[in-house]
Amino acid sequence: MEEVSTLLERVSGPDAEQWLRDVAQDDLVAGLVLTQWRIKHGRTTEARVSLLIDAEARNPLAWMELAQLLQKTGEADEAGMIMHRMAEAGDPWMMTELAAGLDQSGYLDDARKWWRRSALAGAVSAMLHLVGDLERDGEPCEAEMWLRRATEARANDGLGPSRNSSDPITGKTKQANFCAAA
């Protein structure tokens, strides 16, 4: 399916909303496009209601969209409660978002807790954030551990080299470990 933003731009005219409603019944992404269309046309109350219905039907994307809508409409406390609930339920993306928000608000200890939980759940961006924090805090061995995990996670996704790469000439496995003696 086309990117949501591209589809949203193409949908216009008097029949646009009905077309989106018809498509949204069978397609999660189209449902989110309908919500974005409503927001774009100043119908945030309808967007909020449809997101809440979708979210209650256990659609995690709807919860994320609802939290973002609440933030945009100045309801940061409600958005924060949703984010916290999703993070507590184990959503790595929401853990990362919550950590970033806490970081920006100056709640560094709470933010660090969520960065760690997100990293443990496999979020590479959280792992890399922890690397920076730990290096800045003078904890290079733990920083290296998170960097290794991030590298391995990317290698498993085909996004980067493995931490245990083979030498192309000798075929021997190379694995640097600067903190092993520490």
N, C-alpha and C. Protein backbone atom coordinates (compact mmCIF):
# COMPACT_ATOMS: atom_id res chain seq x y z
N MET A 1 0.84 -1.18 0.00
CA MET A 1 0.00 0.00 0.00
C MET A 1 0.88 1.24 0.00
N GLU A 2 0.37 2.30 -0.60
CA GLU A 2 1.13 3.55 -0.66
C GLU A 2 1.40 4.08 0.73
N GLU A 3 2.42 4.92 0.84
CA GLU A 3 2.69 5.57 2.11
C GLU A 3 1.47 6.36 2.54
N VAL A 4 1.22 6.42 3.83
CA VAL A 4 0.04 7.10 4.35
C VAL A 4 -0.01 8.55 3.90
N SER A 5 1.12 9.26 3.98
CA SER A 5 1.12 10.68 3.61
C SER A 5 0.80 10.87 2.13
N THR A 6 1.31 9.99 1.28
CA THR A 6 1.05 10.09 -0.15
C THR A 6 -0.43 9.84 -0.43
N LEU A 7 -0.98 8.81 0.20
CA LEU A 7 -2.38 8.50 0.02
C LEU A 7 -3.26 9.64 0.53
N LEU A 8 -2.88 10.21 1.65
CA LEU A 8 -3.64 11.31 2.23
C LEU A 8 -3.71 12.50 1.27
N GLU A 9 -2.61 12.79 0.61
CA GLU A 9 -2.57 13.90 -0.34
C GLU A 9 -3.45 13.63 -1.56
N ARG A 10 -3.56 12.37 -1.94
CA ARG A 10 -4.33 12.03 -3.14
C ARG A 10 -5.83 12.00 -2.88
N VAL A 11 -6.22 11.87 -1.61
CA VAL A 11 -7.63 11.75 -1.28
C VAL A 11 -8.22 13.15 -1.09
N SER A 12 -9.11 13.51 -1.99
CA SER A 12 -9.77 14.81 -1.88
C SER A 12 -11.12 14.73 -2.56
N GLY A 13 -11.86 15.78 -2.46
CA GLY A 13 -13.16 15.82 -3.11
C GLY A 13 -14.28 15.43 -2.16
N PRO A 14 -15.52 15.59 -2.63
CA PRO A 14 -16.68 15.37 -1.77
C PRO A 14 -16.87 13.91 -1.35
N ASP A 15 -16.36 12.97 -2.12
CA ASP A 15 -16.54 11.56 -1.80
C ASP A 15 -15.35 10.96 -1.04
N ALA A 16 -14.37 11.76 -0.71
CA ALA A 16 -13.14 11.27 -0.09
C ALA A 16 -13.41 10.56 1.22
N GLU A 17 -14.19 11.18 2.09
CA GLU A 17 -14.41 10.57 3.40
C GLU A 17 -15.15 9.24 3.27
N GLN A 18 -16.15 9.17 2.42
CA GLN A 18 -16.88 7.91 2.26
C GLN A 18 -15.96 6.82 1.70
N TRP A 19 -15.13 7.19 0.73
CA TRP A 19 -14.19 6.22 0.17
C TRP A 19 -13.25 5.71 1.26
N LEU A 20 -12.71 6.63 2.08
CA LEU A 20 -11.81 6.24 3.17
C LEU A 20 -12.52 5.34 4.18
N ARG A 21 -13.78 5.67 4.50
CA ARG A 21 -14.54 4.83 5.43
C ARG A 21 -14.69 3.40 4.89
N ASP A 22 -15.02 3.31 3.60
CA ASP A 22 -15.20 1.99 2.99
C ASP A 22 -13.91 1.18 3.04
N VAL A 23 -12.81 1.82 2.68
CA VAL A 23 -11.52 1.13 2.67
C VAL A 23 -11.07 0.82 4.10
N ALA A 24 -11.33 1.73 5.03
CA ALA A 24 -10.87 1.57 6.41
C ALA A 24 -11.49 0.37 7.10
N GLN A 25 -12.65 -0.06 6.65
CA GLN A 25 -13.29 -1.22 7.27
C GLN A 25 -12.45 -2.48 7.10
N ASP A 26 -11.69 -2.54 6.02
CA ASP A 26 -10.91 -3.74 5.73
C ASP A 26 -9.41 -3.56 5.87
N ASP A 27 -8.95 -2.35 6.16
CA ASP A 27 -7.51 -2.09 6.11
C ASP A 27 -7.11 -1.16 7.24
N LEU A 28 -6.20 -1.65 8.08
CA LEU A 28 -5.72 -0.87 9.23
C LEU A 28 -5.07 0.44 8.80
N VAL A 29 -4.22 0.39 7.78
CA VAL A 29 -3.55 1.60 7.33
C VAL A 29 -4.55 2.62 6.80
N ALA A 30 -5.55 2.14 6.05
CA ALA A 30 -6.56 3.05 5.54
C ALA A 30 -7.34 3.70 6.69
N GLY A 31 -7.54 2.95 7.76
CA GLY A 31 -8.20 3.52 8.93
C GLY A 31 -7.39 4.67 9.51
N LEU A 32 -6.07 4.50 9.55
CA LEU A 32 -5.21 5.58 10.04
C LEU A 32 -5.20 6.75 9.06
N VAL A 33 -5.31 6.46 7.76
CA VAL A 33 -5.39 7.52 6.77
C VAL A 33 -6.67 8.32 6.98
N LEU A 34 -7.78 7.62 7.23
CA LEU A 34 -9.05 8.31 7.51
C LEU A 34 -8.90 9.22 8.72
N THR A 35 -8.24 8.73 9.74
CA THR A 35 -8.02 9.54 10.94
C THR A 35 -7.20 10.78 10.61
N GLN A 36 -6.12 10.60 9.85
CA GLN A 36 -5.29 11.74 9.46
C GLN A 36 -6.08 12.72 8.59
N TRP A 37 -6.94 12.20 7.73
CA TRP A 37 -7.78 13.06 6.89
C TRP A 37 -8.69 13.91 7.77
N ARG A 38 -9.28 13.28 8.80
CA ARG A 38 -10.15 14.02 9.72
C ARG A 38 -9.37 15.11 10.45
N ILE A 39 -8.17 14.78 10.89
CA ILE A 39 -7.35 15.78 11.59
C ILE A 39 -7.02 16.93 10.65
N LYS A 40 -6.63 16.59 9.44
CA LYS A 40 -6.28 17.61 8.44
C LYS A 40 -7.45 18.56 8.17
N HIS A 41 -8.66 18.04 8.26
CA HIS A 41 -9.85 18.85 7.99
C HIS A 41 -10.50 19.38 9.27
N GLY A 42 -9.71 19.42 10.36
CA GLY A 42 -10.17 20.05 11.60
C GLY A 42 -11.19 19.25 12.38
N ARG A 43 -11.30 17.99 12.12
CA ARG A 43 -12.30 17.16 12.80
C ARG A 43 -11.59 16.26 13.82
N THR A 44 -10.90 16.92 14.75
CA THR A 44 -10.09 16.18 15.72
C THR A 44 -10.93 15.36 16.68
N THR A 45 -12.14 15.81 17.01
CA THR A 45 -12.98 15.04 17.93
C THR A 45 -13.34 13.69 17.30
N GLU A 46 -13.73 13.71 16.01
CA GLU A 46 -14.04 12.46 15.31
C GLU A 46 -12.80 11.57 15.22
N ALA A 47 -11.66 12.19 14.94
CA ALA A 47 -10.41 11.44 14.85
C ALA A 47 -10.10 10.77 16.19
N ARG A 48 -10.28 11.53 17.25
CA ARG A 48 -10.00 11.00 18.58
C ARG A 48 -10.91 9.83 18.92
N VAL A 49 -12.20 9.95 18.60
CA VAL A 49 -13.15 8.88 18.87
C VAL A 49 -12.79 7.62 18.07
N SER A 50 -12.48 7.78 16.78
CA SER A 50 -12.16 6.60 15.97
C SER A 50 -10.85 5.96 16.45
N LEU A 51 -9.89 6.77 16.86
CA LEU A 51 -8.64 6.21 17.39
C LEU A 51 -8.89 5.46 18.69
N LEU A 52 -9.74 6.01 19.53
CA LEU A 52 -10.04 5.36 20.80
C LEU A 52 -10.75 4.02 20.57
N ILE A 53 -11.67 3.99 19.61
CA ILE A 53 -12.35 2.73 19.28
C ILE A 53 -11.34 1.71 18.77
N ASP A 54 -10.47 2.13 17.84
CA ASP A 54 -9.45 1.22 17.31
C ASP A 54 -8.48 0.78 18.40
N ALA A 55 -8.11 1.70 19.27
CA ALA A 55 -7.17 1.38 20.35
C ALA A 55 -7.78 0.37 21.31
N GLU A 56 -9.04 0.56 21.65
CA GLU A 56 -9.71 -0.37 22.55
C GLU A 56 -9.85 -1.75 21.92
N ALA A 57 -9.81 -1.79 20.57
CA ALA A 57 -9.84 -3.08 19.86
C ALA A 57 -8.44 -3.69 19.78
N ARG A 58 -7.54 -3.18 20.60
CA ARG A 58 -6.16 -3.67 20.73
C ARG A 58 -5.31 -3.42 19.49
N ASN A 59 -5.44 -2.23 18.96
CA ASN A 59 -4.62 -1.81 17.83
C ASN A 59 -3.52 -0.89 18.37
N PRO A 60 -2.27 -1.39 18.49
CA PRO A 60 -1.22 -0.56 19.08
C PRO A 60 -0.90 0.69 18.26
N LEU A 61 -1.07 0.63 16.94
CA LEU A 61 -0.84 1.83 16.13
C LEU A 61 -1.84 2.92 16.47
N ALA A 62 -3.06 2.52 16.77
CA ALA A 62 -4.08 3.51 17.14
C ALA A 62 -3.71 4.17 18.46
N TRP A 63 -3.18 3.39 19.41
CA TRP A 63 -2.75 3.99 20.69
C TRP A 63 -1.66 5.03 20.44
N MET A 64 -0.71 4.69 19.57
CA MET A 64 0.38 5.63 19.27
C MET A 64 -0.16 6.90 18.62
N GLU A 65 -1.05 6.73 17.65
CA GLU A 65 -1.65 7.88 16.97
C GLU A 65 -2.45 8.73 17.96
N LEU A 66 -3.18 8.06 18.85
CA LEU A 66 -3.98 8.78 19.84
C LEU A 66 -3.07 9.59 20.77
N ALA A 67 -1.99 9.00 21.22
CA ALA A 67 -1.05 9.72 22.09
C ALA A 67 -0.49 10.95 21.37
N GLN A 68 -0.14 10.78 20.09
CA GLN A 68 0.39 11.91 19.32
C GLN A 68 -0.66 13.00 19.13
N LEU A 69 -1.91 12.60 18.86
CA LEU A 69 -2.99 13.57 18.70
C LEU A 69 -3.21 14.34 20.00
N LEU A 70 -3.21 13.63 21.12
CA LEU A 70 -3.40 14.29 22.41
C LEU A 70 -2.27 15.28 22.70
N GLN A 71 -1.05 14.93 22.34
CA GLN A 71 0.06 15.86 22.53
C GLN A 71 -0.14 17.11 21.69
N LYS A 72 -0.56 16.92 20.43
CA LYS A 72 -0.76 18.05 19.53
C LYS A 72 -1.89 18.97 19.99
N THR A 73 -2.89 18.39 20.66
CA THR A 73 -4.03 19.20 21.10
C THR A 73 -3.86 19.70 22.53
N GLY A 74 -2.66 19.60 23.06
CA GLY A 74 -2.36 20.17 24.37
C GLY A 74 -2.78 19.31 25.54
N GLU A 75 -3.04 18.05 25.31
CA GLU A 75 -3.44 17.15 26.39
C GLU A 75 -2.28 16.23 26.73
N ALA A 76 -1.19 16.84 27.13
CA ALA A 76 0.06 16.11 27.37
C ALA A 76 -0.07 15.09 28.49
N ASP A 77 -0.85 15.40 29.54
CA ASP A 77 -1.00 14.45 30.64
C ASP A 77 -1.67 13.16 30.18
N GLU A 78 -2.74 13.31 29.40
CA GLU A 78 -3.42 12.12 28.88
C GLU A 78 -2.51 11.34 27.93
N ALA A 79 -1.79 12.07 27.08
CA ALA A 79 -0.86 11.43 26.15
C ALA A 79 0.20 10.66 26.94
N GLY A 80 0.72 11.28 27.99
CA GLY A 80 1.72 10.64 28.83
C GLY A 80 1.21 9.37 29.49
N MET A 81 -0.06 9.39 29.92
CA MET A 81 -0.65 8.20 30.54
C MET A 81 -0.74 7.05 29.54
N ILE A 82 -1.13 7.38 28.31
CA ILE A 82 -1.21 6.35 27.27
C ILE A 82 0.18 5.79 26.98
N MET A 83 1.14 6.69 26.81
CA MET A 83 2.50 6.26 26.53
C MET A 83 3.04 5.37 27.65
N HIS A 84 2.79 5.77 28.87
CA HIS A 84 3.27 5.01 30.02
C HIS A 84 2.62 3.63 30.06
N ARG A 85 1.32 3.59 29.80
CA ARG A 85 0.61 2.31 29.81
C ARG A 85 1.16 1.38 28.72
N MET A 86 1.39 1.91 27.53
CA MET A 86 1.93 1.08 26.45
C MET A 86 3.36 0.64 26.75
N ALA A 87 4.15 1.55 27.33
CA ALA A 87 5.52 1.19 27.69
C ALA A 87 5.51 0.09 28.74
N GLU A 88 4.66 0.22 29.74
CA GLU A 88 4.56 -0.81 30.79
C GLU A 88 4.12 -2.14 30.20
N ALA A 89 3.32 -2.09 29.12
CA ALA A 89 2.85 -3.32 28.47
C ALA A 89 3.93 -3.96 27.60
N GLY A 90 5.07 -3.27 27.44
CA GLY A 90 6.20 -3.87 26.73
C GLY A 90 6.43 -3.38 25.32
N ASP A 91 5.80 -2.30 24.90
CA ASP A 91 6.00 -1.78 23.55
C ASP A 91 7.34 -1.05 23.48
N PRO A 92 8.35 -1.60 22.76
CA PRO A 92 9.68 -0.99 22.73
C PRO A 92 9.68 0.42 22.13
N TRP A 93 8.88 0.64 21.10
CA TRP A 93 8.83 1.97 20.49
C TRP A 93 8.31 2.99 21.49
N MET A 94 7.25 2.62 22.23
CA MET A 94 6.67 3.54 23.19
C MET A 94 7.62 3.74 24.38
N MET A 95 8.37 2.69 24.76
CA MET A 95 9.38 2.85 25.81
C MET A 95 10.40 3.92 25.40
N THR A 96 10.81 3.85 24.12
CA THR A 96 11.78 4.80 23.61
C THR A 96 11.20 6.21 23.59
N GLU A 97 9.95 6.34 23.15
CA GLU A 97 9.29 7.65 23.13
C GLU A 97 9.16 8.22 24.55
N LEU A 98 8.78 7.36 25.48
CA LEU A 98 8.64 7.78 26.88
C LEU A 98 9.99 8.21 27.43
N ALA A 99 11.03 7.44 27.16
CA ALA A 99 12.38 7.77 27.63
C ALA A 99 12.83 9.12 27.07
N ALA A 100 12.57 9.35 25.78
CA ALA A 100 12.96 10.62 25.17
C ALA A 100 12.22 11.79 25.81
N GLY A 101 10.94 11.61 26.06
CA GLY A 101 10.16 12.67 26.71
C GLY A 101 10.66 12.96 28.12
N LEU A 102 10.95 11.92 28.87
CA LEU A 102 11.47 12.10 30.23
C LEU A 102 12.84 12.77 30.20
N ASP A 103 13.65 12.36 29.23
CA ASP A 103 14.98 12.97 29.05
C ASP A 103 14.85 14.47 28.80
N GLN A 104 13.98 14.85 27.88
CA GLN A 104 13.78 16.26 27.53
C GLN A 104 13.22 17.06 28.69
N SER A 105 12.44 16.39 29.55
CA SER A 105 11.85 17.08 30.70
C SER A 105 12.78 17.13 31.90
N GLY A 106 13.95 16.51 31.79
CA GLY A 106 14.92 16.56 32.87
C GLY A 106 14.82 15.44 33.89
N TYR A 107 13.97 14.46 33.65
CA TYR A 107 13.84 13.32 34.56
C TYR A 107 14.81 12.23 34.10
N LEU A 108 16.08 12.49 34.31
CA LEU A 108 17.13 11.64 33.73
C LEU A 108 17.17 10.23 34.30
N ASP A 109 16.93 10.06 35.60
CA ASP A 109 16.94 8.72 36.18
C ASP A 109 15.80 7.87 35.63
N ASP A 110 14.60 8.47 35.56
CA ASP A 110 13.46 7.75 35.00
C ASP A 110 13.69 7.46 33.52
N ALA A 111 14.25 8.43 32.81
CA ALA A 111 14.53 8.24 31.39
C ALA A 111 15.51 7.09 31.19
N ARG A 112 16.56 7.04 32.01
CA ARG A 112 17.56 5.97 31.88
C ARG A 112 16.90 4.62 32.07
N LYS A 113 15.98 4.50 33.02
CA LYS A 113 15.26 3.24 33.25
C LYS A 113 14.53 2.81 31.98
N TRP A 114 13.86 3.75 31.31
CA TRP A 114 13.11 3.41 30.11
C TRP A 114 14.02 3.17 28.91
N TRP A 115 15.14 3.90 28.84
CA TRP A 115 16.10 3.60 27.77
C TRP A 115 16.58 2.15 27.90
N ARG A 116 16.89 1.72 29.13
CA ARG A 116 17.36 0.36 29.37
C ARG A 116 16.29 -0.67 29.01
N ARG A 117 15.07 -0.42 29.48
CA ARG A 117 13.98 -1.38 29.20
C ARG A 117 13.75 -1.49 27.69
N SER A 118 13.78 -0.38 26.99
CA SER A 118 13.60 -0.38 25.54
C SER A 118 14.75 -1.12 24.86
N ALA A 119 15.96 -0.86 25.33
CA ALA A 119 17.13 -1.54 24.77
C ALA A 119 17.03 -3.04 25.01
N LEU A 120 16.65 -3.45 26.21
CA LEU A 120 16.49 -4.87 26.51
C LEU A 120 15.40 -5.52 25.66
N ALA A 121 14.41 -4.71 25.25
CA ALA A 121 13.33 -5.21 24.39
C ALA A 121 13.76 -5.26 22.93
N GLY A 122 14.99 -4.77 22.64
CA GLY A 122 15.51 -4.89 21.29
C GLY A 122 15.54 -3.63 20.45
N ALA A 123 15.20 -2.48 21.02
CA ALA A 123 15.20 -1.23 20.27
C ALA A 123 16.64 -0.73 20.09
N VAL A 124 17.13 -0.79 18.87
CA VAL A 124 18.51 -0.41 18.58
C VAL A 124 18.74 1.07 18.90
N SER A 125 17.76 1.92 18.61
CA SER A 125 17.93 3.35 18.91
C SER A 125 18.14 3.58 20.40
N ALA A 126 17.46 2.80 21.24
CA ALA A 126 17.64 2.93 22.69
C ALA A 126 19.03 2.42 23.10
N MET A 127 19.48 1.35 22.46
CA MET A 127 20.82 0.83 22.75
C MET A 127 21.87 1.90 22.45
N LEU A 128 21.73 2.53 21.29
CA LEU A 128 22.70 3.56 20.90
C LEU A 128 22.62 4.78 21.80
N HIS A 129 21.43 5.13 22.24
CA HIS A 129 21.30 6.24 23.19
C HIS A 129 22.03 5.91 24.49
N LEU A 130 21.85 4.68 24.96
CA LEU A 130 22.54 4.26 26.19
C LEU A 130 24.06 4.33 26.03
N VAL A 131 24.55 3.98 24.85
CA VAL A 131 26.00 4.06 24.61
C VAL A 131 26.49 5.46 24.88
N GLY A 132 25.81 6.45 24.33
CA GLY A 132 26.20 7.84 24.54
C GLY A 132 26.14 8.25 26.00
N ASP A 133 25.03 7.89 26.67
CA ASP A 133 24.88 8.23 28.09
C ASP A 133 25.96 7.58 28.94
N LEU A 134 26.22 6.31 28.68
CA LEU A 134 27.19 5.58 29.50
C LEU A 134 28.61 6.08 29.27
N GLU A 135 28.94 6.40 28.02
CA GLU A 135 30.27 6.97 27.75
C GLU A 135 30.42 8.31 28.45
N ARG A 136 29.39 9.12 28.40
CA ARG A 136 29.43 10.44 29.05
C ARG A 136 29.54 10.29 30.57
N ASP A 137 28.95 9.21 31.11
CA ASP A 137 28.98 8.99 32.56
C ASP A 137 30.21 8.21 33.02
N GLY A 138 31.14 7.95 32.09
CA GLY A 138 32.37 7.26 32.46
C GLY A 138 32.23 5.76 32.67
N GLU A 139 31.32 5.14 31.93
CA GLU A 139 31.11 3.70 32.03
C GLU A 139 31.36 3.05 30.66
N PRO A 140 32.63 3.05 30.22
CA PRO A 140 32.93 2.59 28.85
C PRO A 140 32.67 1.10 28.62
N CYS A 141 32.84 0.27 29.63
CA CYS A 141 32.62 -1.17 29.41
C CYS A 141 31.15 -1.48 29.15
N GLU A 142 30.27 -0.88 29.93
CA GLU A 142 28.85 -1.10 29.69
C GLU A 142 28.43 -0.46 28.37
N ALA A 143 29.02 0.69 28.06
CA ALA A 143 28.74 1.34 26.77
C ALA A 143 29.13 0.41 25.62
N GLU A 144 30.29 -0.23 25.76
CA GLU A 144 30.74 -1.16 24.71
C GLU A 144 29.78 -2.34 24.58
N MET A 145 29.31 -2.83 25.72
CA MET A 145 28.36 -3.95 25.68
C MET A 145 27.11 -3.58 24.88
N TRP A 146 26.57 -2.37 25.12
CA TRP A 146 25.37 -1.95 24.40
C TRP A 146 25.68 -1.69 22.92
N LEU A 147 26.87 -1.20 22.64
CA LEU A 147 27.25 -1.00 21.25
C LEU A 147 27.34 -2.34 20.53
N ARG A 148 27.88 -3.35 21.19
CA ARG A 148 27.94 -4.69 20.61
C ARG A 148 26.53 -5.23 20.35
N ARG A 149 25.66 -5.05 21.33
CA ARG A 149 24.28 -5.54 21.16
C ARG A 149 23.59 -4.83 19.99
N ALA A 150 23.80 -3.53 19.88
CA ALA A 150 23.19 -2.77 18.77
C ALA A 150 23.73 -3.25 17.44
N THR A 151 25.04 -3.47 17.39
CA THR A 151 25.67 -3.96 16.16
C THR A 151 25.14 -5.33 15.79
N GLU A 152 25.02 -6.21 16.79
CA GLU A 152 24.49 -7.55 16.55
C GLU A 152 23.03 -7.49 16.08
N ALA A 153 22.25 -6.64 16.71
CA ALA A 153 20.85 -6.51 16.31
C ALA A 153 20.73 -6.04 14.87
N ARG A 154 21.56 -5.10 14.49
CA ARG A 154 21.55 -4.63 13.11
C ARG A 154 22.03 -5.71 12.16
N ALA A 155 23.03 -6.47 12.57
CA ALA A 155 23.53 -7.56 11.72
C ALA A 155 22.45 -8.61 11.51
N ASN A 156 21.69 -8.89 12.55
CA ASN A 156 20.61 -9.87 12.44
C ASN A 156 19.50 -9.39 11.52
N ASP A 157 19.36 -8.08 11.40
CA ASP A 157 18.37 -7.51 10.50
C ASP A 157 18.95 -7.23 9.12
N GLY A 158 20.23 -7.55 8.94
CA GLY A 158 20.89 -7.28 7.67
C GLY A 158 21.24 -5.81 7.49
N LEU A 159 21.31 -5.07 8.60
CA LEU A 159 21.57 -3.63 8.51
C LEU A 159 23.01 -3.25 8.83
N GLY A 160 23.85 -4.19 9.16
CA GLY A 160 25.22 -3.83 9.50
C GLY A 160 26.08 -5.07 9.69
N PRO A 161 27.36 -4.86 9.96
CA PRO A 161 28.27 -6.00 10.13
C PRO A 161 28.03 -6.71 11.45
N SER A 162 28.31 -7.99 11.48
CA SER A 162 28.20 -8.75 12.71
C SER A 162 29.36 -8.41 13.62
N ARG A 163 29.13 -8.52 14.92
CA ARG A 163 30.21 -8.23 15.87
C ARG A 163 31.30 -9.28 15.79
N ASN A 164 30.98 -10.46 15.30
CA ASN A 164 31.95 -11.54 15.15
C ASN A 164 32.20 -11.77 13.66
N SER A 165 32.82 -10.83 13.02
CA SER A 165 33.03 -10.97 11.58
C SER A 165 34.29 -11.79 11.31
N SER A 166 34.30 -12.44 10.16
CA SER A 166 35.44 -13.26 9.77
C SER A 166 36.42 -12.43 8.96
N ASP A 167 37.70 -12.71 9.18
CA ASP A 167 38.75 -12.09 8.38
C ASP A 167 38.65 -12.69 6.98
N PRO A 168 38.57 -11.87 5.92
CA PRO A 168 38.39 -12.41 4.58
C PRO A 168 39.60 -13.22 4.09
N ILE A 169 40.76 -13.01 4.68
CA ILE A 169 41.96 -13.72 4.22
C ILE A 169 42.15 -15.02 4.99
N THR A 170 42.14 -14.95 6.31
CA THR A 170 42.41 -16.15 7.11
C THR A 170 41.16 -16.96 7.40
N GLY A 171 40.00 -16.32 7.34
CA GLY A 171 38.76 -17.00 7.66
C GLY A 171 38.51 -17.13 9.16
N LYS A 172 39.45 -16.61 9.98
CA LYS A 172 39.30 -16.69 11.43
C LYS A 172 38.31 -15.61 11.89
N THR A 173 37.60 -15.96 12.95
CA THR A 173 36.64 -15.03 13.52
C THR A 173 37.37 -13.99 14.34
N LYS A 174 36.99 -12.73 14.10
CA LYS A 174 37.56 -11.62 14.88
C LYS A 174 36.51 -11.16 15.87
N GLN A 175 36.93 -10.95 17.10
CA GLN A 175 36.02 -10.40 18.08
C GLN A 175 36.83 -9.57 19.06
N ALA A 176 36.71 -8.26 18.92
CA ALA A 176 37.41 -7.38 19.85
C ALA A 176 36.61 -7.29 21.14
N ASN A 177 37.32 -7.31 22.25
CA ASN A 177 36.66 -7.16 23.54
C ASN A 177 37.60 -6.37 24.44
N PHE A 178 37.43 -5.07 24.42
CA PHE A 178 38.32 -4.18 25.14
C PHE A 178 38.10 -4.20 26.64
N CYS A 179 36.95 -4.67 27.09
CA CYS A 179 36.64 -4.63 28.51
C CYS A 179 36.76 -6.00 29.17
N ALA A 180 37.18 -7.01 28.45
CA ALA A 180 37.25 -8.37 29.01
C ALA A 180 38.21 -8.45 30.19
N ALA A 181 39.28 -7.69 30.15
CA ALA A 181 40.26 -7.73 31.23
C ALA A 181 39.86 -6.84 32.40
N ALA A 182 38.88 -6.00 32.20
CA ALA A 182 38.50 -5.05 33.26
C ALA A 182 37.76 -5.72 34.39
